[in-house]
């Protein structure tokens, strides 16, 4: 029996095929999108008209003015669901056909 590596949390590590499945699930269908307001680039996946996955490619607190303002005023970026300007920009990209909504 081969020993699986420990994960960072000390739990048994995942098998390589499970890691490949996880990578596919997390990255499949992501589309690069530049926010119309500030130009910050994110990766977007629309799983349905109401569900949007956003993966930041930079530190949001440094690249997004809305997140930066929250941090500067002593707040936490963790309390922001997302930037409303980015959300509007993504919605326009969906309407323009630049970001597709998954049919799954």
PDB file of N, CA and C in Angstrom:
ATOM      1  N   UNK A   1       0.855  -1.186   0.000  1.00  0.00           N
ATOM      2  CA  UNK A   1       0.000   0.000   0.000  1.00  0.00           C
ATOM      3  C   UNK A   1       0.893   1.238   0.000  1.00  0.00           C
ATOM      4  N   UNK A   2       0.610   2.179  -0.914  1.00  0.00           N
ATOM      5  CA  UNK A   2       1.399   3.403  -0.960  1.00  0.00           C
ATOM      6  C   UNK A   2       0.798   4.424  -0.013  1.00  0.00           C
ATOM      7  N   UNK A   3       1.671   5.143   0.634  1.00  0.00           N
ATOM      8  CA  UNK A   3       1.216   6.155   1.576  1.00  0.00           C
ATOM      9  C   UNK A   3       0.914   7.450   0.826  1.00  0.00           C
ATOM     10  N   UNK A   4      -0.234   8.028   1.118  1.00  0.00           N
ATOM     11  CA  UNK A   4      -0.608   9.282   0.488  1.00  0.00           C
ATOM     12  C   UNK A   4      -0.029  10.429   1.305  1.00  0.00           C
ATOM     13  N   UNK A   5       0.379  11.502   0.645  1.00  0.00           N
ATOM     14  CA  UNK A   5       0.930  12.635   1.373  1.00  0.00           C
ATOM     15  C   UNK A   5      -0.138  13.307   2.222  1.00  0.00           C
ATOM     16  N   UNK A   6       0.317  13.904   3.330  1.00  0.00           N
ATOM     17  CA  UNK A   6      -0.606  14.667   4.169  1.00  0.00           C
ATOM     18  C   UNK A   6      -0.949  15.974   3.478  1.00  0.00           C
ATOM     19  N   UNK A   7      -2.169  16.428   3.695  1.00  0.00           N
ATOM     20  CA  UNK A   7      -2.556  17.746   3.215  1.00  0.00           C
ATOM     21  C   UNK A   7      -2.009  18.772   4.198  1.00  0.00           C
ATOM     22  N   UNK A   8      -2.223  20.021   3.907  1.00  0.00           N
ATOM     23  CA  UNK A   8      -1.736  21.065   4.808  1.00  0.00           C
ATOM     24  C   UNK A   8      -2.476  21.070   6.135  1.00  0.00           C
ATOM     25  N   UNK A   9      -3.602  20.392   6.208  1.00  0.00           N
ATOM     26  CA  UNK A   9      -4.361  20.341   7.450  1.00  0.00           C
ATOM     27  C   UNK A   9      -4.124  19.038   8.204  1.00  0.00           C
ATOM     28  N   UNK A  10      -3.138  18.234   7.769  1.00  0.00           N
ATOM     29  CA  UNK A  10      -2.824  16.999   8.448  1.00  0.00           C
ATOM     30  C   UNK A  10      -3.760  15.854   8.128  1.00  0.00           C
ATOM     31  N   UNK A  11      -4.672  16.069   7.202  1.00  0.00           N
ATOM     32  CA  UNK A  11      -5.589  15.020   6.776  1.00  0.00           C
ATOM     33  C   UNK A  11      -4.937  14.239   5.642  1.00  0.00           C
ATOM     34  N   UNK A  12      -5.403  13.021   5.401  1.00  0.00           N
ATOM     35  CA  UNK A  12      -4.821  12.268   4.280  1.00  0.00           C
ATOM     36  C   UNK A  12      -4.914  13.065   2.992  1.00  0.00           C
ATOM     37  N   UNK A  13      -3.848  13.043   2.204  1.00  0.00           N
ATOM     38  CA  UNK A  13      -3.808  13.765   0.937  1.00  0.00           C
ATOM     39  C   UNK A  13      -4.727  13.135  -0.092  1.00  0.00           C
ATOM     40  N   UNK A  14      -5.078  13.908  -1.081  1.00  0.00           N
ATOM     41  CA  UNK A  14      -5.970  13.427  -2.137  1.00  0.00           C
ATOM     42  C   UNK A  14      -5.175  12.642  -3.172  1.00  0.00           C
ATOM     43  N   UNK A  15      -5.827  11.693  -3.797  1.00  0.00           N
ATOM     44  CA  UNK A  15      -5.209  10.934  -4.883  1.00  0.00           C
ATOM     45  C   UNK A  15      -5.024  11.860  -6.078  1.00  0.00           C
ATOM     46  N   UNK A  16      -4.027  11.587  -6.916  1.00  0.00           N
ATOM     47  CA  UNK A  16      -3.791  12.448  -8.089  1.00  0.00           C
ATOM     48  C   UNK A  16      -5.026  12.624  -8.971  1.00  0.00           C
ATOM     49  N   UNK A  17      -5.830  11.554  -9.170  1.00  0.00           N
ATOM     50  CA  UNK A  17      -7.016  11.713 -10.007  1.00  0.00           C
ATOM     51  C   UNK A  17      -8.043  12.615  -9.340  1.00  0.00           C
ATOM     52  N   UNK A  18      -8.107  12.578  -8.016  1.00  0.00           N
ATOM     53  CA  UNK A  18      -9.014  13.484  -7.298  1.00  0.00           C
ATOM     54  C   UNK A  18      -8.543  14.925  -7.417  1.00  0.00           C
ATOM     55  N   UNK A  19      -7.224  15.119  -7.361  1.00  0.00           N
ATOM     56  CA  UNK A  19      -6.680  16.463  -7.523  1.00  0.00           C
ATOM     57  C   UNK A  19      -6.967  17.005  -8.910  1.00  0.00           C
ATOM     58  N   UNK A  20      -6.862  16.149  -9.918  1.00  0.00           N
ATOM     59  CA  UNK A  20      -7.165  16.572 -11.292  1.00  0.00           C
ATOM     60  C   UNK A  20      -8.633  16.939 -11.421  1.00  0.00           C
ATOM     61  N   UNK A  21      -9.518  16.148 -10.801  1.00  0.00           N
ATOM     62  CA  UNK A  21     -10.953  16.461 -10.824  1.00  0.00           C
ATOM     63  C   UNK A  21     -11.221  17.790 -10.143  1.00  0.00           C
ATOM     64  N   UNK A  22     -10.575  18.015  -9.003  1.00  0.00           N
ATOM     65  CA  UNK A  22     -10.764  19.270  -8.259  1.00  0.00           C
ATOM     66  C   UNK A  22     -10.285  20.453  -9.092  1.00  0.00           C
ATOM     67  N   UNK A  23      -9.108  20.294  -9.722  1.00  0.00           N
ATOM     68  CA  UNK A  23      -8.569  21.369 -10.560  1.00  0.00           C
ATOM     69  C   UNK A  23      -9.535  21.680 -11.707  1.00  0.00           C
ATOM     70  N   UNK A  24     -10.055  20.645 -12.341  1.00  0.00           N
ATOM     71  CA  UNK A  24     -11.009  20.825 -13.439  1.00  0.00           C
ATOM     72  C   UNK A  24     -12.260  21.553 -12.949  1.00  0.00           C
ATOM     73  N   UNK A  25     -12.778  21.134 -11.796  1.00  0.00           N
ATOM     74  CA  UNK A  25     -13.980  21.752 -11.247  1.00  0.00           C
ATOM     75  C   UNK A  25     -13.748  23.233 -10.940  1.00  0.00           C
ATOM     76  N   UNK A  26     -12.575  23.549 -10.382  1.00  0.00           N
ATOM     77  CA  UNK A  26     -12.300  24.919  -9.965  1.00  0.00           C
ATOM     78  C   UNK A  26     -11.907  25.846 -11.112  1.00  0.00           C
ATOM     79  N   UNK A  27     -11.352  25.302 -12.186  1.00  0.00           N
ATOM     80  CA  UNK A  27     -10.851  26.169 -13.251  1.00  0.00           C
ATOM     81  C   UNK A  27     -11.618  26.074 -14.563  1.00  0.00           C
ATOM     82  N   UNK A  28     -12.371  25.026 -14.759  1.00  0.00           N
ATOM     83  CA  UNK A  28     -13.089  24.845 -16.015  1.00  0.00           C
ATOM     84  C   UNK A  28     -14.126  25.950 -16.212  1.00  0.00           C
ATOM     85  N   UNK A  29     -14.130  26.504 -17.387  1.00  0.00           N
ATOM     86  CA  UNK A  29     -15.137  27.500 -17.722  1.00  0.00           C
ATOM     87  C   UNK A  29     -14.840  28.910 -17.241  1.00  0.00           C
ATOM     88  N   UNK A  30     -13.677  29.137 -16.646  1.00  0.00           N
ATOM     89  CA  UNK A  30     -13.338  30.486 -16.190  1.00  0.00           C
ATOM     90  C   UNK A  30     -12.946  31.346 -17.383  1.00  0.00           C
ATOM     91  N   UNK A  31     -13.491  32.547 -17.422  1.00  0.00           N
ATOM     92  CA  UNK A  31     -13.229  33.494 -18.495  1.00  0.00           C
ATOM     93  C   UNK A  31     -12.561  34.730 -17.913  1.00  0.00           C
ATOM     94  N   UNK A  32     -11.442  35.173 -18.473  1.00  0.00           N
ATOM     95  CA  UNK A  32     -10.829  36.416 -17.993  1.00  0.00           C
ATOM     96  C   UNK A  32     -11.772  37.595 -18.244  1.00  0.00           C
ATOM     97  N   UNK A  33     -11.845  38.480 -17.272  1.00  0.00           N
ATOM     98  CA  UNK A  33     -12.688  39.673 -17.411  1.00  0.00           C
ATOM     99  C   UNK A  33     -11.996  40.850 -16.746  1.00  0.00           C
ATOM    100  N   UNK A  34     -11.925  41.964 -17.461  1.00  0.00           N
ATOM    101  CA  UNK A  34     -11.364  43.201 -16.916  1.00  0.00           C
ATOM    102  C   UNK A  34     -12.510  44.109 -16.504  1.00  0.00           C
ATOM    103  N   UNK A  35     -12.512  44.504 -15.239  1.00  0.00           N
ATOM    104  CA  UNK A  35     -13.565  45.381 -14.730  1.00  0.00           C
ATOM    105  C   UNK A  35     -13.596  46.675 -15.537  1.00  0.00           C
ATOM    106  N   UNK A  36     -14.776  47.062 -15.987  1.00  0.00           N
ATOM    107  CA  UNK A  36     -14.931  48.296 -16.768  1.00  0.00           C
ATOM    108  C   UNK A  36     -14.615  49.532 -15.944  1.00  0.00           C
ATOM    109  N   UNK A  37     -14.764  49.437 -14.632  1.00  0.00           N
ATOM    110  CA  UNK A  37     -14.566  50.595 -13.766  1.00  0.00           C
ATOM    111  C   UNK A  37     -13.091  50.853 -13.458  1.00  0.00           C
ATOM    112  N   UNK A  38     -12.358  49.786 -13.067  1.00  0.00           N
ATOM    113  CA  UNK A  38     -10.985  50.001 -12.618  1.00  0.00           C
ATOM    114  C   UNK A  38      -9.946  49.200 -13.397  1.00  0.00           C
ATOM    115  N   UNK A  39     -10.396  48.268 -14.241  1.00  0.00           N
ATOM    116  CA  UNK A  39      -9.462  47.492 -15.043  1.00  0.00           C
ATOM    117  C   UNK A  39      -8.900  46.259 -14.361  1.00  0.00           C
ATOM    118  N   UNK A  40      -9.300  45.997 -13.118  1.00  0.00           N
ATOM    119  CA  UNK A  40      -8.815  44.809 -12.426  1.00  0.00           C
ATOM    120  C   UNK A  40      -9.249  43.564 -13.181  1.00  0.00           C
ATOM    121  N   UNK A  41      -8.299  42.655 -13.409  1.00  0.00           N
ATOM    122  CA  UNK A  41      -8.614  41.402 -14.119  1.00  0.00           C
ATOM    123  C   UNK A  41      -8.961  40.315 -13.113  1.00  0.00           C
ATOM    124  N   UNK A  42     -10.096  39.659 -13.373  1.00  0.00           N
ATOM    125  CA  UNK A  42     -10.543  38.514 -12.588  1.00  0.00           C
ATOM    126  C   UNK A  42     -10.873  37.386 -13.555  1.00  0.00           C
ATOM    127  N   UNK A  43     -11.089  36.205 -13.005  1.00  0.00           N
ATOM    128  CA  UNK A  43     -11.584  35.075 -13.786  1.00  0.00           C
ATOM    129  C   UNK A  43     -13.022  34.840 -13.349  1.00  0.00           C
ATOM    130  N   UNK A  44     -13.916  34.659 -14.317  1.00  0.00           N
ATOM    131  CA  UNK A  44     -15.349  34.582 -14.037  1.00  0.00           C
ATOM    132  C   UNK A  44     -15.932  33.302 -14.612  1.00  0.00           C
ATOM    133  N   UNK A  45     -16.866  32.733 -13.867  1.00  0.00           N
ATOM    134  CA  UNK A  45     -17.640  31.598 -14.357  1.00  0.00           C
ATOM    135  C   UNK A  45     -19.088  31.818 -13.940  1.00  0.00           C
ATOM    136  N   UNK A  46     -19.964  31.795 -14.908  1.00  0.00           N
ATOM    137  CA  UNK A  46     -21.388  31.940 -14.632  1.00  0.00           C
ATOM    138  C   UNK A  46     -22.015  30.546 -14.695  1.00  0.00           C
ATOM    139  N   UNK A  47     -22.344  29.990 -13.536  1.00  0.00           N
ATOM    140  CA  UNK A  47     -22.958  28.667 -13.481  1.00  0.00           C
ATOM    141  C   UNK A  47     -24.454  28.723 -13.739  1.00  0.00           C
ATOM    142  N   UNK A  48     -25.044  29.880 -13.552  1.00  0.00           N
ATOM    143  CA  UNK A  48     -26.454  30.102 -13.808  1.00  0.00           C
ATOM    144  C   UNK A  48     -26.642  31.613 -13.880  1.00  0.00           C
ATOM    145  N   UNK A  49     -27.816  32.079 -14.282  1.00  0.00           N
ATOM    146  CA  UNK A  49     -28.025  33.531 -14.317  1.00  0.00           C
ATOM    147  C   UNK A  49     -27.801  34.204 -12.958  1.00  0.00           C
ATOM    148  N   UNK A  50     -28.036  33.480 -11.866  1.00  0.00           N
ATOM    149  CA  UNK A  50     -27.895  34.086 -10.540  1.00  0.00           C
ATOM    150  C   UNK A  50     -26.573  33.757  -9.852  1.00  0.00           C
ATOM    151  N   UNK A  51     -25.875  32.720 -10.315  1.00  0.00           N
ATOM    152  CA  UNK A  51     -24.647  32.291  -9.642  1.00  0.00           C
ATOM    153  C   UNK A  51     -23.420  32.688 -10.446  1.00  0.00           C
ATOM    154  N   UNK A  52     -22.532  33.450  -9.812  1.00  0.00           N
ATOM    155  CA  UNK A  52     -21.297  33.883 -10.445  1.00  0.00           C
ATOM    156  C   UNK A  52     -20.125  33.504  -9.550  1.00  0.00           C
ATOM    157  N   UNK A  53     -19.141  32.822 -10.130  1.00  0.00           N
ATOM    158  CA  UNK A  53     -17.896  32.538  -9.418  1.00  0.00           C
ATOM    159  C   UNK A  53     -16.854  33.527  -9.913  1.00  0.00           C
ATOM    160  N   UNK A  54     -16.173  34.173  -8.969  1.00  0.00           N
ATOM    161  CA  UNK A  54     -15.130  35.133  -9.309  1.00  0.00           C
ATOM    162  C   UNK A  54     -13.845  34.686  -8.634  1.00  0.00           C
ATOM    163  N   UNK A  55     -12.790  34.578  -9.421  1.00  0.00           N
ATOM    164  CA  UNK A  55     -11.488  34.249  -8.886  1.00  0.00           C
ATOM    165  C   UNK A  55     -10.588  35.452  -9.153  1.00  0.00           C
ATOM    166  N   UNK A  56     -10.112  36.053  -8.090  1.00  0.00           N
ATOM    167  CA  UNK A  56      -9.249  37.226  -8.218  1.00  0.00           C
ATOM    168  C   UNK A  56      -7.864  36.774  -8.654  1.00  0.00           C
ATOM    169  N   UNK A  57      -7.260  37.502  -9.575  1.00  0.00           N
ATOM    170  CA  UNK A  57      -5.911  37.197 -10.029  1.00  0.00           C
ATOM    171  C   UNK A  57      -4.881  38.090  -9.350  1.00  0.00           C
ATOM    172  N   UNK A  58      -5.365  39.026  -8.564  1.00  0.00           N
ATOM    173  CA  UNK A  58      -4.519  39.942  -7.804  1.00  0.00           C
ATOM    174  C   UNK A  58      -5.113  40.073  -6.406  1.00  0.00           C
ATOM    175  N   UNK A  59      -4.430  40.785  -5.538  1.00  0.00           N
ATOM    176  CA  UNK A  59      -4.957  41.076  -4.211  1.00  0.00           C
ATOM    177  C   UNK A  59      -6.047  42.130  -4.374  1.00  0.00           C
ATOM    178  N   UNK A  60      -7.275  41.782  -4.054  1.00  0.00           N
ATOM    179  CA  UNK A  60      -8.414  42.687  -4.255  1.00  0.00           C
ATOM    180  C   UNK A  60      -8.231  44.002  -3.503  1.00  0.00           C
ATOM    181  N   UNK A  61      -7.645  43.945  -2.325  1.00  0.00           N
ATOM    182  CA  UNK A  61      -7.443  45.158  -1.527  1.00  0.00           C
ATOM    183  C   UNK A  61      -6.455  46.124  -2.149  1.00  0.00           C
ATOM    184  N   UNK A  62      -5.609  45.633  -3.038  1.00  0.00           N
ATOM    185  CA  UNK A  62      -4.630  46.489  -3.704  1.00  0.00           C
ATOM    186  C   UNK A  62      -5.071  46.905  -5.104  1.00  0.00           C
ATOM    187  N   UNK A  63      -5.860  46.072  -5.766  1.00  0.00           N
ATOM    188  CA  UNK A  63      -6.191  46.355  -7.166  1.00  0.00           C
ATOM    189  C   UNK A  63      -7.581  46.936  -7.378  1.00  0.00           C
ATOM    190  N   UNK A  64      -8.490  46.715  -6.447  1.00  0.00           N
ATOM    191  CA  UNK A  64      -9.866  47.203  -6.596  1.00  0.00           C
ATOM    192  C   UNK A  64     -10.088  48.402  -5.681  1.00  0.00           C
ATOM    193  N   UNK A  65     -10.443  49.562  -6.231  1.00  0.00           N
ATOM    194  CA  UNK A  65     -10.658  50.743  -5.398  1.00  0.00           C
ATOM    195  C   UNK A  65     -11.742  50.566  -4.331  1.00  0.00           C
ATOM    196  N   UNK A  66     -12.776  49.795  -4.611  1.00  0.00           N
ATOM    197  CA  UNK A  66     -13.851  49.584  -3.639  1.00  0.00           C
ATOM    198  C   UNK A  66     -13.327  48.791  -2.438  1.00  0.00           C
ATOM    199  N   UNK A  67     -12.576  47.717  -2.708  1.00  0.00           N
ATOM    200  CA  UNK A  67     -11.983  46.939  -1.621  1.00  0.00           C
ATOM    201  C   UNK A  67     -10.933  47.773  -0.878  1.00  0.00           C
ATOM    202  N   UNK A  68     -10.128  48.533  -1.623  1.00  0.00           N
ATOM    203  CA  UNK A  68      -9.097  49.373  -1.006  1.00  0.00           C
ATOM    204  C   UNK A  68      -9.723  50.407  -0.074  1.00  0.00           C
ATOM    205  N   UNK A  69     -10.833  51.013  -0.488  1.00  0.00           N
ATOM    206  CA  UNK A  69     -11.516  52.003   0.356  1.00  0.00           C
ATOM    207  C   UNK A  69     -12.022  51.360   1.640  1.00  0.00           C
ATOM    208  N   UNK A  70     -12.539  50.149   1.532  1.00  0.00           N
ATOM    209  CA  UNK A  70     -13.021  49.422   2.714  1.00  0.00           C
ATOM    210  C   UNK A  70     -11.872  49.211   3.704  1.00  0.00           C
ATOM    211  N   UNK A  71     -10.712  48.834   3.182  1.00  0.00           N
ATOM    212  CA  UNK A  71      -9.554  48.593   4.042  1.00  0.00           C
ATOM    213  C   UNK A  71      -9.012  49.893   4.635  1.00  0.00           C
ATOM    214  N   UNK A  72      -8.969  50.949   3.826  1.00  0.00           N
ATOM    215  CA  UNK A  72      -8.458  52.238   4.277  1.00  0.00           C
ATOM    216  C   UNK A  72      -9.315  52.824   5.396  1.00  0.00           C
ATOM    217  N   UNK A  73     -10.623  52.570   5.337  1.00  0.00           N
ATOM    218  CA  UNK A  73     -11.523  53.107   6.357  1.00  0.00           C
ATOM    219  C   UNK A  73     -11.549  52.241   7.613  1.00  0.00           C
ATOM    220  N   UNK A  74     -10.644  51.244   7.673  1.00  0.00           N
ATOM    221  CA  UNK A  74     -10.554  50.415   8.868  1.00  0.00           C
ATOM    222  C   UNK A  74     -11.429  49.183   8.834  1.00  0.00           C
ATOM    223  N   UNK A  75     -12.131  48.969   7.738  1.00  0.00           N
ATOM    224  CA  UNK A  75     -12.985  47.797   7.621  1.00  0.00           C
ATOM    225  C   UNK A  75     -12.202  46.596   7.132  1.00  0.00           C
ATOM    226  N   UNK A  76     -12.897  45.530   6.932  1.00  0.00           N
ATOM    227  CA  UNK A  76     -12.295  44.295   6.448  1.00  0.00           C
ATOM    228  C   UNK A  76     -12.876  43.955   5.080  1.00  0.00           C
ATOM    229  N   UNK A  77     -11.998  43.579   4.159  1.00  0.00           N
ATOM    230  CA  UNK A  77     -12.461  43.171   2.835  1.00  0.00           C
ATOM    231  C   UNK A  77     -13.295  41.894   2.917  1.00  0.00           C
ATOM    232  N   UNK A  78     -13.128  41.147   3.994  1.00  0.00           N
ATOM    233  CA  UNK A  78     -13.888  39.904   4.161  1.00  0.00           C
ATOM    234  C   UNK A  78     -15.388  40.170   4.282  1.00  0.00           C
ATOM    235  N   UNK A  79     -15.749  41.392   4.664  1.00  0.00           N
ATOM    236  CA  UNK A  79     -17.164  41.721   4.807  1.00  0.00           C
ATOM    237  C   UNK A  79     -17.818  42.107   3.483  1.00  0.00           C
ATOM    238  N   UNK A  80     -17.014  42.278   2.443  1.00  0.00           N
ATOM    239  CA  UNK A  80     -17.560  42.593   1.122  1.00  0.00           C
ATOM    240  C   UNK A  80     -17.791  41.302   0.355  1.00  0.00           C
ATOM    241  N   UNK A  81     -18.997  41.105  -0.132  1.00  0.00           N
ATOM    242  CA  UNK A  81     -19.288  39.928  -0.939  1.00  0.00           C
ATOM    243  C   UNK A  81     -18.501  40.017  -2.239  1.00  0.00           C
ATOM    244  N   UNK A  82     -18.622  41.127  -2.904  1.00  0.00           N
ATOM    245  CA  UNK A  82     -17.824  41.442  -4.086  1.00  0.00           C
ATOM    246  C   UNK A  82     -17.976  42.939  -4.337  1.00  0.00           C
ATOM    247  N   UNK A  83     -17.280  43.416  -5.306  1.00  0.00           N
ATOM    248  CA  UNK A  83     -17.374  44.822  -5.677  1.00  0.00           C
ATOM    249  C   UNK A  83     -18.616  45.010  -6.547  1.00  0.00           C
ATOM    250  N   UNK A  84     -19.514  45.915  -6.180  1.00  0.00           N
ATOM    251  CA  UNK A  84     -20.715  46.117  -6.995  1.00  0.00           C
ATOM    252  C   UNK A  84     -20.399  46.604  -8.411  1.00  0.00           C
ATOM    253  N   UNK A  85     -19.320  47.367  -8.555  1.00  0.00           N
ATOM    254  CA  UNK A  85     -18.942  47.835  -9.894  1.00  0.00           C
ATOM    255  C   UNK A  85     -18.461  46.662 -10.747  1.00  0.00           C
ATOM    256  N   UNK A  86     -17.732  45.731 -10.132  1.00  0.00           N
ATOM    257  CA  UNK A  86     -17.299  44.538 -10.851  1.00  0.00           C
ATOM    258  C   UNK A  86     -18.503  43.677 -11.221  1.00  0.00           C
ATOM    259  N   UNK A  87     -19.430  43.522 -10.296  1.00  0.00           N
ATOM    260  CA  UNK A  87     -20.634  42.725 -10.570  1.00  0.00           C
ATOM    261  C   UNK A  87     -21.412  43.314 -11.748  1.00  0.00           C
ATOM    262  N   UNK A  88     -21.556  44.641 -11.785  1.00  0.00           N
ATOM    263  CA  UNK A  88     -22.241  45.296 -12.911  1.00  0.00           C
ATOM    264  C   UNK A  88     -21.476  45.072 -14.218  1.00  0.00           C
ATOM    265  N   UNK A  89     -20.157  45.154 -14.142  1.00  0.00           N
ATOM    266  CA  UNK A  89     -19.326  44.954 -15.325  1.00  0.00           C
ATOM    267  C   UNK A  89     -19.479  43.530 -15.865  1.00  0.00           C
ATOM    268  N   UNK A  90     -19.528  42.567 -14.971  1.00  0.00           N
ATOM    269  CA  UNK A  90     -19.713  41.171 -15.389  1.00  0.00           C
ATOM    270  C   UNK A  90     -21.088  40.980 -16.018  1.00  0.00           C
ATOM    271  N   UNK A  91     -22.104  41.592 -15.427  1.00  0.00           N
ATOM    272  CA  UNK A  91     -23.457  41.467 -15.992  1.00  0.00           C
ATOM    273  C   UNK A  91     -23.522  42.048 -17.406  1.00  0.00           C
ATOM    274  N   UNK A  92     -22.849  43.172 -17.628  1.00  0.00           N
ATOM    275  CA  UNK A  92     -22.820  43.738 -18.979  1.00  0.00           C
ATOM    276  C   UNK A  92     -22.081  42.795 -19.932  1.00  0.00           C
ATOM    277  N   UNK A  93     -21.009  42.176 -19.455  1.00  0.00           N
ATOM    278  CA  UNK A  93     -20.255  41.226 -20.286  1.00  0.00           C
ATOM    279  C   UNK A  93     -21.124  40.020 -20.651  1.00  0.00           C
ATOM    280  N   UNK A  94     -21.971  39.590 -19.730  1.00  0.00           N
ATOM    281  CA  UNK A  94     -22.899  38.491 -20.018  1.00  0.00           C
ATOM    282  C   UNK A  94     -23.892  38.926 -21.088  1.00  0.00           C
ATOM    283  N   UNK A  95     -24.472  40.103 -20.925  1.00  0.00           N
ATOM    284  CA  UNK A  95     -25.440  40.604 -21.917  1.00  0.00           C
ATOM    285  C   UNK A  95     -24.809  40.763 -23.297  1.00  0.00           C
ATOM    286  N   UNK A  96     -23.513  41.133 -23.319  1.00  0.00           N
ATOM    287  CA  UNK A  96     -22.811  41.341 -24.588  1.00  0.00           C
ATOM    288  C   UNK A  96     -22.241  40.041 -25.164  1.00  0.00           C
ATOM    289  N   UNK A  97     -22.433  38.933 -24.468  1.00  0.00           N
ATOM    290  CA  UNK A  97     -21.937  37.649 -24.947  1.00  0.00           C
ATOM    291  C   UNK A  97     -20.470  37.395 -24.697  1.00  0.00           C
ATOM    292  N   UNK A  98     -19.823  38.245 -23.894  1.00  0.00           N
ATOM    293  CA  UNK A  98     -18.400  38.088 -23.595  1.00  0.00           C
ATOM    294  C   UNK A  98     -18.156  37.044 -22.515  1.00  0.00           C
ATOM    295  N   UNK A  99     -19.130  36.835 -21.650  1.00  0.00           N
ATOM    296  CA  UNK A  99     -19.081  35.807 -20.610  1.00  0.00           C
ATOM    297  C   UNK A  99     -20.348  34.974 -20.782  1.00  0.00           C
ATOM    298  N   UNK A 100     -20.158  33.676 -20.946  1.00  0.00           N
ATOM    299  CA  UNK A 100     -21.303  32.780 -21.171  1.00  0.00           C
ATOM    300  C   UNK A 100     -21.820  32.220 -19.866  1.00  0.00           C
ATOM    301  N   UNK A 101     -23.137  31.995 -19.824  1.00  0.00           N
ATOM    302  CA  UNK A 101     -23.766  31.333 -18.687  1.00  0.00           C
ATOM    303  C   UNK A 101     -23.792  29.848 -18.998  1.00  0.00           C
ATOM    304  N   UNK A 102     -23.261  29.038 -18.066  1.00  0.00           N
ATOM    305  CA  UNK A 102     -23.188  27.592 -18.271  1.00  0.00           C
ATOM    306  C   UNK A 102     -24.575  27.010 -18.486  1.00  0.00           C
ATOM    307  N   UNK A 103     -24.658  26.051 -19.377  1.00  0.00           N
ATOM    308  CA  UNK A 103     -25.934  25.390 -19.640  1.00  0.00           C
ATOM    309  C   UNK A 103     -26.087  24.124 -18.811  1.00  0.00           C
ATOM    310  N   UNK A 104     -25.103  23.833 -17.957  1.00  0.00           N
ATOM    311  CA  UNK A 104     -25.154  22.612 -17.120  1.00  0.00           C
ATOM    312  C   UNK A 104     -26.145  22.781 -16.005  1.00  0.00           C
TER     313      UNK A 104
END
